[in-house]
Full PDB file with SEQRES, HELIX, SHEET, SSBOND, CRYST1, ORIGX, SCALE, CONECT and MASTER records, all heavy atoms in Angstrom:
SEQRES   1 A   37  ASN GLN VAL LEU ALA PHE ILE GLU ASN GLY LEU HIS SER          
SEQRES   2 A   37  ASP ALA PHE THR ASN ASP LEU TYR HIS THR LEU SER HIS          
SEQRES   3 A   37  HIS LEU PHE GLY HIS ILE ALA HIS PHE ASN ARG                  
HELIX    1 AA1 GLN A    2  GLU A    8  1                                   7    
HELIX    2 AA2 SER A   13  ALA A   15  5                                   3    
HELIX    3 AA3 ASN A   18  HIS A   27  1                                  10    
CRYST1    1.000    1.000    1.000  90.00  90.00  90.00 P 1           1          
ORIGX1      1.000000  0.000000  0.000000        0.00000                         
ORIGX2      0.000000  1.000000  0.000000        0.00000                         
ORIGX3      0.000000  0.000000  1.000000        0.00000                         
SCALE1      1.000000  0.000000  0.000000        0.00000                         
SCALE2      0.000000  1.000000  0.000000        0.00000                         
SCALE3      0.000000  0.000000  1.000000        0.00000                         
ATOM      1  N   ASN A   1       9.634  -6.698  14.707  1.00  0.00           N  
ATOM      2  CA  ASN A   1      10.774  -6.578  13.797  1.00  0.00           C  
ATOM      3  C   ASN A   1      10.738  -7.644  12.709  1.00  0.00           C  
ATOM      4  O   ASN A   1      11.154  -7.391  11.574  1.00  0.00           O  
ATOM      5  CB  ASN A   1      12.087  -6.624  14.578  1.00  0.00           C  
ATOM      6  CG  ASN A   1      12.318  -5.352  15.351  1.00  0.00           C  
ATOM      7  OD1 ASN A   1      11.917  -4.270  14.930  1.00  0.00           O  
ATOM      8  ND2 ASN A   1      12.960  -5.469  16.497  1.00  0.00           N  
ATOM      9  N   GLN A   2      10.220  -8.820  13.036  1.00  0.00           N  
ATOM     10  CA  GLN A   2      10.062  -9.847  12.008  1.00  0.00           C  
ATOM     11  C   GLN A   2       9.039  -9.403  10.957  1.00  0.00           C  
ATOM     12  O   GLN A   2       9.238  -9.616   9.763  1.00  0.00           O  
ATOM     13  CB  GLN A   2       9.640 -11.173  12.640  1.00  0.00           C  
ATOM     14  CG  GLN A   2      10.730 -11.840  13.429  1.00  0.00           C  
ATOM     15  CD  GLN A   2      10.245 -13.089  14.154  1.00  0.00           C  
ATOM     16  OE1 GLN A   2       9.071 -13.444  14.112  1.00  0.00           O  
ATOM     17  NE2 GLN A   2      11.165 -13.755  14.833  1.00  0.00           N  
ATOM     18  N   VAL A   3       7.963  -8.778  11.407  1.00  0.00           N  
ATOM     19  CA  VAL A   3       6.953  -8.276  10.475  1.00  0.00           C  
ATOM     20  C   VAL A   3       7.558  -7.183   9.598  1.00  0.00           C  
ATOM     21  O   VAL A   3       7.387  -7.176   8.380  1.00  0.00           O  
ATOM     22  CB  VAL A   3       5.701  -7.763  11.218  1.00  0.00           C  
ATOM     23  CG1 VAL A   3       4.755  -7.050  10.259  1.00  0.00           C  
ATOM     24  CG2 VAL A   3       4.989  -8.916  11.924  1.00  0.00           C  
ATOM     25  N   LEU A   4       8.301  -6.260  10.208  1.00  0.00           N  
ATOM     26  CA  LEU A   4       8.940  -5.188   9.431  1.00  0.00           C  
ATOM     27  C   LEU A   4       9.916  -5.756   8.402  1.00  0.00           C  
ATOM     28  O   LEU A   4       9.943  -5.298   7.257  1.00  0.00           O  
ATOM     29  CB  LEU A   4       9.657  -4.207  10.356  1.00  0.00           C  
ATOM     30  CG  LEU A   4       8.763  -3.252  11.121  1.00  0.00           C  
ATOM     31  CD1 LEU A   4       9.565  -2.506  12.188  1.00  0.00           C  
ATOM     32  CD2 LEU A   4       8.074  -2.276  10.181  1.00  0.00           C  
ATOM     33  N   ALA A   5      10.705  -6.740   8.783  1.00  0.00           N  
ATOM     34  CA  ALA A   5      11.652  -7.351   7.840  1.00  0.00           C  
ATOM     35  C   ALA A   5      10.904  -8.042   6.705  1.00  0.00           C  
ATOM     36  O   ALA A   5      11.317  -7.957   5.537  1.00  0.00           O  
ATOM     37  CB  ALA A   5      12.556  -8.345   8.572  1.00  0.00           C  
ATOM     38  N   PHE A   6       9.801  -8.701   7.019  1.00  0.00           N  
ATOM     39  CA  PHE A   6       8.987  -9.352   5.998  1.00  0.00           C  
ATOM     40  C   PHE A   6       8.441  -8.326   5.005  1.00  0.00           C  
ATOM     41  O   PHE A   6       8.491  -8.533   3.789  1.00  0.00           O  
ATOM     42  CB  PHE A   6       7.857 -10.130   6.684  1.00  0.00           C  
ATOM     43  CG  PHE A   6       6.918 -10.822   5.752  1.00  0.00           C  
ATOM     44  CD1 PHE A   6       7.346 -11.876   4.953  1.00  0.00           C  
ATOM     45  CD2 PHE A   6       5.590 -10.435   5.668  1.00  0.00           C  
ATOM     46  CE1 PHE A   6       6.471 -12.532   4.100  1.00  0.00           C  
ATOM     47  CE2 PHE A   6       4.702 -11.076   4.823  1.00  0.00           C  
ATOM     48  CZ  PHE A   6       5.142 -12.125   4.037  1.00  0.00           C  
ATOM     49  N   ILE A   7       7.963  -7.211   5.518  1.00  0.00           N  
ATOM     50  CA  ILE A   7       7.469  -6.140   4.640  1.00  0.00           C  
ATOM     51  C   ILE A   7       8.616  -5.601   3.798  1.00  0.00           C  
ATOM     52  O   ILE A   7       8.501  -5.471   2.579  1.00  0.00           O  
ATOM     53  CB  ILE A   7       6.818  -5.013   5.463  1.00  0.00           C  
ATOM     54  CG1 ILE A   7       5.528  -5.498   6.127  1.00  0.00           C  
ATOM     55  CG2 ILE A   7       6.562  -3.788   4.590  1.00  0.00           C  
ATOM     56  CD1 ILE A   7       4.952  -4.549   7.165  1.00  0.00           C  
ATOM     57  N   GLU A   8       9.728  -5.280   4.437  1.00  0.00           N  
ATOM     58  CA  GLU A   8      10.875  -4.701   3.737  1.00  0.00           C  
ATOM     59  C   GLU A   8      11.396  -5.617   2.636  1.00  0.00           C  
ATOM     60  O   GLU A   8      11.858  -5.144   1.596  1.00  0.00           O  
ATOM     61  CB  GLU A   8      11.989  -4.405   4.737  1.00  0.00           C  
ATOM     62  CG  GLU A   8      13.213  -3.825   4.108  1.00  0.00           C  
ATOM     63  CD  GLU A   8      14.344  -3.612   5.098  1.00  0.00           C  
ATOM     64  OE1 GLU A   8      14.183  -3.950   6.274  1.00  0.00           O  
ATOM     65  OE2 GLU A   8      15.394  -3.122   4.665  1.00  0.00           O  
ATOM     66  N   ASN A   9      11.292  -6.916   2.853  1.00  0.00           N  
ATOM     67  CA  ASN A   9      11.830  -7.871   1.890  1.00  0.00           C  
ATOM     68  C   ASN A   9      10.832  -8.300   0.834  1.00  0.00           C  
ATOM     69  O   ASN A   9      11.089  -9.221   0.071  1.00  0.00           O  
ATOM     70  CB  ASN A   9      12.411  -9.077   2.621  1.00  0.00           C  
ATOM     71  CG  ASN A   9      13.695  -8.709   3.317  1.00  0.00           C  
ATOM     72  OD1 ASN A   9      14.547  -8.029   2.746  1.00  0.00           O  
ATOM     73  ND2 ASN A   9      13.835  -9.118   4.568  1.00  0.00           N  
ATOM     74  N   GLY A  10       9.673  -7.636   0.773  1.00  0.00           N  
ATOM     75  CA  GLY A  10       8.788  -7.847  -0.362  1.00  0.00           C  
ATOM     76  C   GLY A  10       7.539  -8.658  -0.122  1.00  0.00           C  
ATOM     77  O   GLY A  10       6.841  -8.982  -1.082  1.00  0.00           O  
ATOM     78  N   LEU A  11       7.249  -9.046   1.132  1.00  0.00           N  
ATOM     79  CA  LEU A  11       6.007  -9.771   1.425  1.00  0.00           C  
ATOM     80  C   LEU A  11       5.866 -11.035   0.585  1.00  0.00           C  
ATOM     81  O   LEU A  11       4.804 -11.325   0.040  1.00  0.00           O  
ATOM     82  CB  LEU A  11       4.784  -8.862   1.209  1.00  0.00           C  
ATOM     83  CG  LEU A  11       4.716  -7.588   2.039  1.00  0.00           C  
ATOM     84  CD1 LEU A  11       3.659  -6.639   1.464  1.00  0.00           C  
ATOM     85  CD2 LEU A  11       4.413  -7.901   3.483  1.00  0.00           C  
ATOM     86  N   HIS A  12       6.932 -11.803   0.469  1.00  0.00           N  
ATOM     87  CA  HIS A  12       6.901 -13.010  -0.353  1.00  0.00           C  
ATOM     88  C   HIS A  12       6.288 -14.175   0.417  1.00  0.00           C  
ATOM     89  O   HIS A  12       6.689 -14.460   1.553  1.00  0.00           O  
ATOM     90  CB  HIS A  12       8.302 -13.383  -0.825  1.00  0.00           C  
ATOM     91  CG  HIS A  12       8.895 -12.345  -1.711  1.00  0.00           C  
ATOM     92  ND1 HIS A  12       8.368 -12.050  -2.950  1.00  0.00           N  
ATOM     93  CD2 HIS A  12       9.943 -11.504  -1.532  1.00  0.00           C  
ATOM     94  CE1 HIS A  12       9.076 -11.076  -3.500  1.00  0.00           C  
ATOM     95  NE2 HIS A  12      10.030 -10.726  -2.659  1.00  0.00           N  
ATOM     96  N   SER A  13       5.332 -14.836  -0.182  1.00  0.00           N  
ATOM     97  CA  SER A  13       4.633 -15.955   0.462  1.00  0.00           C  
ATOM     98  C   SER A  13       5.579 -17.014   0.982  1.00  0.00           C  
ATOM     99  O   SER A  13       5.349 -17.584   2.041  1.00  0.00           O  
ATOM    100  CB  SER A  13       3.647 -16.600  -0.521  1.00  0.00           C  
ATOM    101  OG  SER A  13       2.626 -15.705  -0.853  1.00  0.00           O  
ATOM    102  N   ASP A  14       6.649 -17.287   0.238  1.00  0.00           N  
ATOM    103  CA  ASP A  14       7.575 -18.333   0.664  1.00  0.00           C  
ATOM    104  C   ASP A  14       8.362 -17.943   1.911  1.00  0.00           C  
ATOM    105  O   ASP A  14       8.951 -18.799   2.562  1.00  0.00           O  
ATOM    106  CB  ASP A  14       8.513 -18.746  -0.469  1.00  0.00           C  
ATOM    107  CG  ASP A  14       9.339 -17.598  -1.026  1.00  0.00           C  
ATOM    108  OD1 ASP A  14       9.030 -16.426  -0.729  1.00  0.00           O  
ATOM    109  OD2 ASP A  14      10.289 -17.874  -1.772  1.00  0.00           O  
ATOM    110  N   ALA A  15       8.361 -16.673   2.281  1.00  0.00           N  
ATOM    111  CA  ALA A  15       9.034 -16.219   3.497  1.00  0.00           C  
ATOM    112  C   ALA A  15       8.051 -15.997   4.649  1.00  0.00           C  
ATOM    113  O   ALA A  15       8.437 -15.550   5.723  1.00  0.00           O  
ATOM    114  CB  ALA A  15       9.800 -14.924   3.219  1.00  0.00           C  
ATOM    115  N   PHE A  16       6.779 -16.322   4.419  1.00  0.00           N  
ATOM    116  CA  PHE A  16       5.744 -16.129   5.429  1.00  0.00           C  
ATOM    117  C   PHE A  16       5.737 -17.336   6.370  1.00  0.00           C  
ATOM    118  O   PHE A  16       5.124 -18.354   6.109  1.00  0.00           O  
ATOM    119  CB  PHE A  16       4.383 -15.932   4.759  1.00  0.00           C  
ATOM    120  CG  PHE A  16       3.286 -15.549   5.699  1.00  0.00           C  
ATOM    121  CD1 PHE A  16       3.380 -14.418   6.485  1.00  0.00           C  
ATOM    122  CD2 PHE A  16       2.141 -16.319   5.791  1.00  0.00           C  
ATOM    123  CE1 PHE A  16       2.358 -14.055   7.344  1.00  0.00           C  
ATOM    124  CE2 PHE A  16       1.112 -15.965   6.637  1.00  0.00           C  
ATOM    125  CZ  PHE A  16       1.226 -14.828   7.429  1.00  0.00           C  
ATOM    126  N   THR A  17       6.452 -17.189   7.478  1.00  0.00           N  
ATOM    127  CA  THR A  17       6.657 -18.284   8.423  1.00  0.00           C  
ATOM    128  C   THR A  17       5.463 -18.462   9.355  1.00  0.00           C  
ATOM    129  O   THR A  17       4.585 -17.602   9.453  1.00  0.00           O  
ATOM    130  CB  THR A  17       7.906 -18.019   9.277  1.00  0.00           C  
ATOM    131  OG1 THR A  17       7.654 -16.851  10.090  1.00  0.00           O  
ATOM    132  CG2 THR A  17       9.144 -17.808   8.418  1.00  0.00           C  
ATOM    133  N   ASN A  18       5.483 -19.564  10.081  1.00  0.00           N  
ATOM    134  CA  ASN A  18       4.455 -19.798  11.091  1.00  0.00           C  
ATOM    135  C   ASN A  18       4.475 -18.702  12.159  1.00  0.00           C  
ATOM    136  O   ASN A  18       3.422 -18.292  12.640  1.00  0.00           O  
ATOM    137  CB  ASN A  18       4.635 -21.163  11.745  1.00  0.00           C  
ATOM    138  CG  ASN A  18       4.172 -22.291  10.857  1.00  0.00           C  
ATOM    139  OD1 ASN A  18       3.240 -22.152  10.073  1.00  0.00           O  
ATOM    140  ND2 ASN A  18       4.841 -23.423  10.953  1.00  0.00           N  
ATOM    141  N   ASP A  19       5.661 -18.237  12.546  1.00  0.00           N  
ATOM    142  CA  ASP A  19       5.755 -17.163  13.536  1.00  0.00           C  
ATOM    143  C   ASP A  19       5.103 -15.878  13.018  1.00  0.00           C  
ATOM    144  O   ASP A  19       4.378 -15.204  13.754  1.00  0.00           O  
ATOM    145  CB  ASP A  19       7.210 -16.883  13.918  1.00  0.00           C  
ATOM    146  CG  ASP A  19       7.811 -17.959  14.798  1.00  0.00           C  
ATOM    147  OD1 ASP A  19       7.056 -18.765  15.389  1.00  0.00           O  
ATOM    148  OD2 ASP A  19       9.050 -17.989  14.913  1.00  0.00           O  
ATOM    149  N   LEU A  20       5.365 -15.520  11.765  1.00  0.00           N  
ATOM    150  CA  LEU A  20       4.732 -14.340  11.186  1.00  0.00           C  
ATOM    151  C   LEU A  20       3.220 -14.511  11.120  1.00  0.00           C  
ATOM    152  O   LEU A  20       2.462 -13.586  11.438  1.00  0.00           O  
ATOM    153  CB  LEU A  20       5.289 -14.056   9.790  1.00  0.00           C  
ATOM    154  CG  LEU A  20       6.681 -13.455   9.730  1.00  0.00           C  
ATOM    155  CD1 LEU A  20       7.243 -13.549   8.318  1.00  0.00           C  
ATOM    156  CD2 LEU A  20       6.652 -12.018  10.209  1.00  0.00           C  
ATOM    157  N   TYR A  21       2.791 -15.682  10.697  1.00  0.00           N  
ATOM    158  CA  TYR A  21       1.356 -15.969  10.634  1.00  0.00           C  
ATOM    159  C   TYR A  21       0.719 -15.791  12.009  1.00  0.00           C  
ATOM    160  O   TYR A  21      -0.324 -15.145  12.142  1.00  0.00           O  
ATOM    161  CB  TYR A  21       1.138 -17.391  10.107  1.00  0.00           C  
ATOM    162  CG  TYR A  21      -0.271 -17.893  10.220  1.00  0.00           C  
ATOM    163  CD1 TYR A  21      -1.307 -17.287   9.519  1.00  0.00           C  
ATOM    164  CD2 TYR A  21      -0.571 -18.986  11.018  1.00  0.00           C  
ATOM    165  CE1 TYR A  21      -2.608 -17.757   9.613  1.00  0.00           C  
ATOM    166  CE2 TYR A  21      -1.868 -19.463  11.121  1.00  0.00           C  
ATOM    167  CZ  TYR A  21      -2.882 -18.848  10.417  1.00  0.00           C  
ATOM    168  OH  TYR A  21      -4.162 -19.311  10.513  1.00  0.00           O  
ATOM    169  N   HIS A  22       1.336 -16.343  13.036  1.00  0.00           N  
ATOM    170  CA  HIS A  22       0.781 -16.233  14.388  1.00  0.00           C  
ATOM    171  C   HIS A  22       0.722 -14.770  14.826  1.00  0.00           C  
ATOM    172  O   HIS A  22      -0.304 -14.310  15.346  1.00  0.00           O  
ATOM    173  CB  HIS A  22       1.616 -17.048  15.375  1.00  0.00           C  
ATOM    174  CG  HIS A  22       1.069 -16.992  16.763  1.00  0.00           C  
ATOM    175  ND1 HIS A  22       1.475 -16.057  17.686  1.00  0.00           N  
ATOM    176  CD2 HIS A  22       0.129 -17.741  17.365  1.00  0.00           C  
ATOM    177  CE1 HIS A  22       0.802 -16.227  18.800  1.00  0.00           C  
ATOM    178  NE2 HIS A  22      -0.020 -17.243  18.639  1.00  0.00           N  
ATOM    179  N   THR A  23       1.782 -14.027  14.615  1.00  0.00           N  
ATOM    180  CA  THR A  23       1.808 -12.618  15.010  1.00  0.00           C  
ATOM    181  C   THR A  23       0.714 -11.832  14.305  1.00  0.00           C  
ATOM    182  O   THR A  23      -0.042 -11.093  14.933  1.00  0.00           O  
ATOM    183  CB  THR A  23       3.183 -11.990  14.716  1.00  0.00           C  
ATOM    184  OG1 THR A  23       4.177 -12.667  15.500  1.00  0.00           O  
ATOM    185  CG2 THR A  23       3.207 -10.514  15.045  1.00  0.00           C  
ATOM    186  N   LEU A  24       0.618 -11.981  12.995  1.00  0.00           N  
ATOM    187  CA  LEU A  24      -0.367 -11.203  12.238  1.00  0.00           C  
ATOM    188  C   LEU A  24      -1.802 -11.661  12.514  1.00  0.00           C  
ATOM    189  O   LEU A  24      -2.688 -10.829  12.700  1.00  0.00           O  
ATOM    190  CB  LEU A  24      -0.063 -11.262  10.742  1.00  0.00           C  
ATOM    191  CG  LEU A  24       1.145 -10.444  10.315  1.00  0.00           C  
ATOM    192  CD1 LEU A  24       1.542 -10.769   8.880  1.00  0.00           C  
ATOM    193  CD2 LEU A  24       0.860  -8.960  10.461  1.00  0.00           C  
ATOM    194  N   SER A  25      -2.036 -12.951  12.564  1.00  0.00           N  
ATOM    195  CA  SER A  25      -3.411 -13.432  12.704  1.00  0.00           C  
ATOM    196  C   SER A  25      -3.935 -13.334  14.134  1.00  0.00           C  
ATOM    197  O   SER A  25      -5.149 -13.374  14.340  1.00  0.00           O  
ATOM    198  CB  SER A  25      -3.539 -14.868  12.195  1.00  0.00           C  
ATOM    199  OG  SER A  25      -2.810 -15.765  13.014  1.00  0.00           O  
ATOM    200  N   HIS A  26      -3.044 -13.169  15.112  1.00  0.00           N  
ATOM    201  CA  HIS A  26      -3.487 -13.083  16.497  1.00  0.00           C  
ATOM    202  C   HIS A  26      -3.362 -11.685  17.113  1.00  0.00           C  
ATOM    203  O   HIS A  26      -4.068 -11.377  18.070  1.00  0.00           O  
ATOM    204  CB  HIS A  26      -2.690 -14.055  17.371  1.00  0.00           C  
ATOM    205  CG  HIS A  26      -3.061 -15.478  17.169  1.00  0.00           C  
ATOM    206  ND1 HIS A  26      -2.516 -16.243  16.165  1.00  0.00           N  
ATOM    207  CD2 HIS A  26      -3.929 -16.278  17.813  1.00  0.00           C  
ATOM    208  CE1 HIS A  26      -3.024 -17.460  16.220  1.00  0.00           C  
ATOM    209  NE2 HIS A  26      -3.894 -17.509  17.203  1.00  0.00           N  
ATOM    210  N   HIS A  27      -2.449 -10.868  16.600  1.00  0.00           N  
ATOM    211  CA  HIS A  27      -2.107  -9.648  17.330  1.00  0.00           C  
ATOM    212  C   HIS A  27      -2.201  -8.341  16.558  1.00  0.00           C  
ATOM    213  O   HIS A  27      -2.301  -7.291  17.178  1.00  0.00           O  
ATOM    214  CB  HIS A  27      -0.681  -9.748  17.885  1.00  0.00           C  
ATOM    215  CG  HIS A  27      -0.458 -10.924  18.767  1.00  0.00           C  
ATOM    216  ND1 HIS A  27      -1.118 -11.095  19.966  1.00  0.00           N  
ATOM    217  CD2 HIS A  27       0.345 -11.999  18.633  1.00  0.00           C  
ATOM    218  CE1 HIS A  27      -0.730 -12.209  20.534  1.00  0.00           C  
ATOM    219  NE2 HIS A  27       0.152 -12.789  19.755  1.00  0.00           N  
ATOM    220  N   LEU A  28      -2.089  -8.356  15.248  1.00  0.00           N  
ATOM    221  CA  LEU A  28      -1.904  -7.094  14.543  1.00  0.00           C  
ATOM    222  C   LEU A  28      -2.992  -6.794  13.524  1.00  0.00           C  
ATOM    223  O   LEU A  28      -3.407  -7.660  12.744  1.00  0.00           O  
ATOM    224  CB  LEU A  28      -0.545  -7.082  13.831  1.00  0.00           C  
ATOM    225  CG  LEU A  28       0.676  -7.203  14.734  1.00  0.00           C  
ATOM    226  CD1 LEU A  28       1.949  -7.244  13.897  1.00  0.00           C  
ATOM    227  CD2 LEU A  28       0.735  -6.073  15.748  1.00  0.00           C  
ATOM    228  N   PHE A  29      -3.421  -5.542  13.506  1.00  0.00           N  
ATOM    229  CA  PHE A  29      -4.238  -4.941  12.458  1.00  0.00           C  
ATOM    230  C   PHE A  29      -5.591  -5.617  12.242  1.00  0.00           C  
ATOM    231  O   PHE A  29      -6.159  -5.538  11.164  1.00  0.00           O  
ATOM    232  CB  PHE A  29      -3.460  -4.870  11.136  1.00  0.00           C  
ATOM    233  CG  PHE A  29      -2.103  -4.263  11.282  1.00  0.00           C  
ATOM    234  CD1 PHE A  29      -0.958  -4.959  10.936  1.00  0.00           C  
ATOM    235  CD2 PHE A  29      -1.957  -2.977  11.800  1.00  0.00           C  
ATOM    236  CE1 PHE A  29       0.295  -4.389  11.083  1.00  0.00           C  
ATOM    237  CE2 PHE A  29      -0.700  -2.405  11.958  1.00  0.00           C  
ATOM    238  CZ  PHE A  29       0.426  -3.108  11.592  1.00  0.00           C  
ATOM    239  N   GLY A  30      -6.113  -6.296  13.269  1.00  0.00           N  
ATOM    240  CA  GLY A  30      -7.435  -6.899  13.169  1.00  0.00           C  
ATOM    241  C   GLY A  30      -7.527  -8.068  12.205  1.00  0.00           C  
ATOM    242  O   GLY A  30      -8.615  -8.407  11.747  1.00  0.00           O  
ATOM    243  N   HIS A  31      -6.389  -8.688  11.900  1.00  0.00           N  
ATOM    244  CA  HIS A  31      -6.411  -9.834  10.985  1.00  0.00           C  
ATOM    245  C   HIS A  31      -7.078 -11.035  11.633  1.00  0.00           C  
ATOM    246  O   HIS A  31      -7.146 -11.145  12.850  1.00  0.00           O  
ATOM    247  CB  HIS A  31      -4.980 -10.218  10.572  1.00  0.00           C  
ATOM    248  CG  HIS A  31      -4.372  -9.301   9.588  1.00  0.00           C  
ATOM    249  ND1 HIS A  31      -4.820  -9.184   8.291  1.00  0.00           N  
ATOM    250  CD2 HIS A  31      -3.353  -8.419   9.706  1.00  0.00           C  
ATOM    251  CE1 HIS A  31      -4.090  -8.289   7.645  1.00  0.00           C  
ATOM    252  NE2 HIS A  31      -3.204  -7.803   8.483  1.00  0.00           N  
ATOM    253  N   ILE A  32      -7.517 -11.944  10.785  1.00  0.00           N  
ATOM    254  CA  ILE A  32      -8.063 -13.215  11.237  1.00  0.00           C  
ATOM    255  C   ILE A  32      -7.225 -14.333  10.630  1.00  0.00           C  
ATOM    256  O   ILE A  32      -6.370 -14.092   9.773  1.00  0.00           O  
ATOM    257  CB  ILE A  32      -9.546 -13.375  10.853  1.00  0.00           C  
ATOM    258  CG1 ILE A  32      -9.716 -13.287   9.335  1.00  0.00           C  
ATOM    259  CG2 ILE A  32     -10.397 -12.325  11.566  1.00  0.00           C  
ATOM    260  CD1 ILE A  32     -11.119 -13.631   8.845  1.00  0.00           C  
ATOM    261  N   ALA A  33      -7.476 -15.537  11.055  1.00  0.00           N  
ATOM    262  CA  ALA A  33      -6.609 -16.659  10.701  1.00  0.00           C  
ATOM    263  C   ALA A  33      -6.697 -17.113   9.248  1.00  0.00           C  
ATOM    264  O   ALA A  33      -5.756 -17.695   8.735  1.00  0.00           O  
ATOM    265  CB  ALA A  33      -6.901 -17.848  11.612  1.00  0.00           C  
ATOM    266  N   HIS A  34      -7.834 -16.927   8.555  1.00  0.00           N  
ATOM    267  CA  HIS A  34      -8.004 -17.424   7.178  1.00  0.00           C  
ATOM    268  C   HIS A  34      -7.781 -18.923   7.096  1.00  0.00           C  
ATOM    269  O   HIS A  34      -7.174 -19.426   6.157  1.00  0.00           O  
ATOM    270  CB  HIS A  34      -7.059 -16.705   6.203  1.00  0.00           C  
ATOM    271  CG  HIS A  34      -7.386 -15.275   6.006  1.00  0.00           C  
ATOM    272  ND1 HIS A  34      -8.398 -14.855   5.202  1.00  0.00           N  
ATOM    273  CD2 HIS A  34      -6.847 -14.154   6.549  1.00  0.00           C  
ATOM    274  CE1 HIS A  34      -8.471 -13.533   5.227  1.00  0.00           C  
ATOM    275  NE2 HIS A  34      -7.543 -13.087   6.044  1.00  0.00           N  
ATOM    276  N   PHE A  35      -8.172 -19.661   8.077  1.00  0.00           N  
ATOM    277  CA  PHE A  35      -8.086 -21.109   8.189  1.00  0.00           C  
ATOM    278  C   PHE A  35      -6.679 -21.601   8.496  1.00  0.00           C  
ATOM    279  O   PHE A  35      -6.482 -22.403   9.378  1.00  0.00           O  
ATOM    280  CB  PHE A  35      -8.639 -21.809   6.943  1.00  0.00           C  
ATOM    281  CG  PHE A  35      -8.694 -23.305   7.089  1.00  0.00           C  
ATOM    282  CD1 PHE A  35      -9.557 -23.898   7.983  1.00  0.00           C  
ATOM    283  CD2 PHE A  35      -7.865 -24.109   6.346  1.00  0.00           C  
ATOM    284  CE1 PHE A  35      -9.596 -25.276   8.136  1.00  0.00           C  
ATOM    285  CE2 PHE A  35      -7.900 -25.500   6.486  1.00  0.00           C  
ATOM    286  CZ  PHE A  35      -8.771 -26.074   7.387  1.00  0.00           C  
ATOM    287  N   ASN A  36      -5.668 -21.134   7.771  1.00  0.00           N  
ATOM    288  CA  ASN A  36      -4.290 -21.540   8.060  1.00  0.00           C  
ATOM    289  C   ASN A  36      -3.324 -20.536   7.417  1.00  0.00           C  
ATOM    290  O   ASN A  36      -3.732 -19.588   6.745  1.00  0.00           O  
ATOM    291  CB  ASN A  36      -4.016 -22.975   7.586  1.00  0.00           C  
ATOM    292  CG  ASN A  36      -4.137 -23.152   6.088  1.00  0.00           C  
ATOM    293  OD1 ASN A  36      -3.958 -22.223   5.299  1.00  0.00           O  
ATOM    294  ND2 ASN A  36      -4.460 -24.368   5.666  1.00  0.00           N  
ATOM    295  N   ARG A  37      -2.034 -20.770   7.632  1.00  0.00           N  
ATOM    296  CA  ARG A  37      -0.997 -19.864   7.128  1.00  0.00           C  
ATOM    297  C   ARG A  37      -1.075 -19.724   5.612  1.00  0.00           C  
ATOM    298  O   ARG A  37      -0.932 -18.620   5.067  1.00  0.00           O  
ATOM    299  CB  ARG A  37       0.384 -20.386   7.550  1.00  0.00           C  
ATOM    300  CG  ARG A  37       1.547 -19.576   7.021  1.00  0.00           C  
ATOM    301  CD  ARG A  37       2.877 -20.060   7.583  1.00  0.00           C  
ATOM    302  NE  ARG A  37       3.153 -21.438   7.309  1.00  0.00           N  
ATOM    303  CZ  ARG A  37       3.901 -21.887   6.318  1.00  0.00           C  
ATOM    304  NH1 ARG A  37       4.445 -21.046   5.460  1.00  0.00           N  
ATOM    305  NH2 ARG A  37       4.109 -23.165   6.151  1.00  0.00           N  
TER     306      ARG A  37                                                      
MASTER        0    0    0    3    0    0    0    6  305    1    0    3          
END                                                                             
């Protein structure tokens, strides 16, 4: 739901939290860490 809210609200970098980074880089859509958030 945090990912969905982030998408719905425009995918703004300033709203990309550590929790979102962890979820996306560890669990979803085959993403990788890209060194850091």
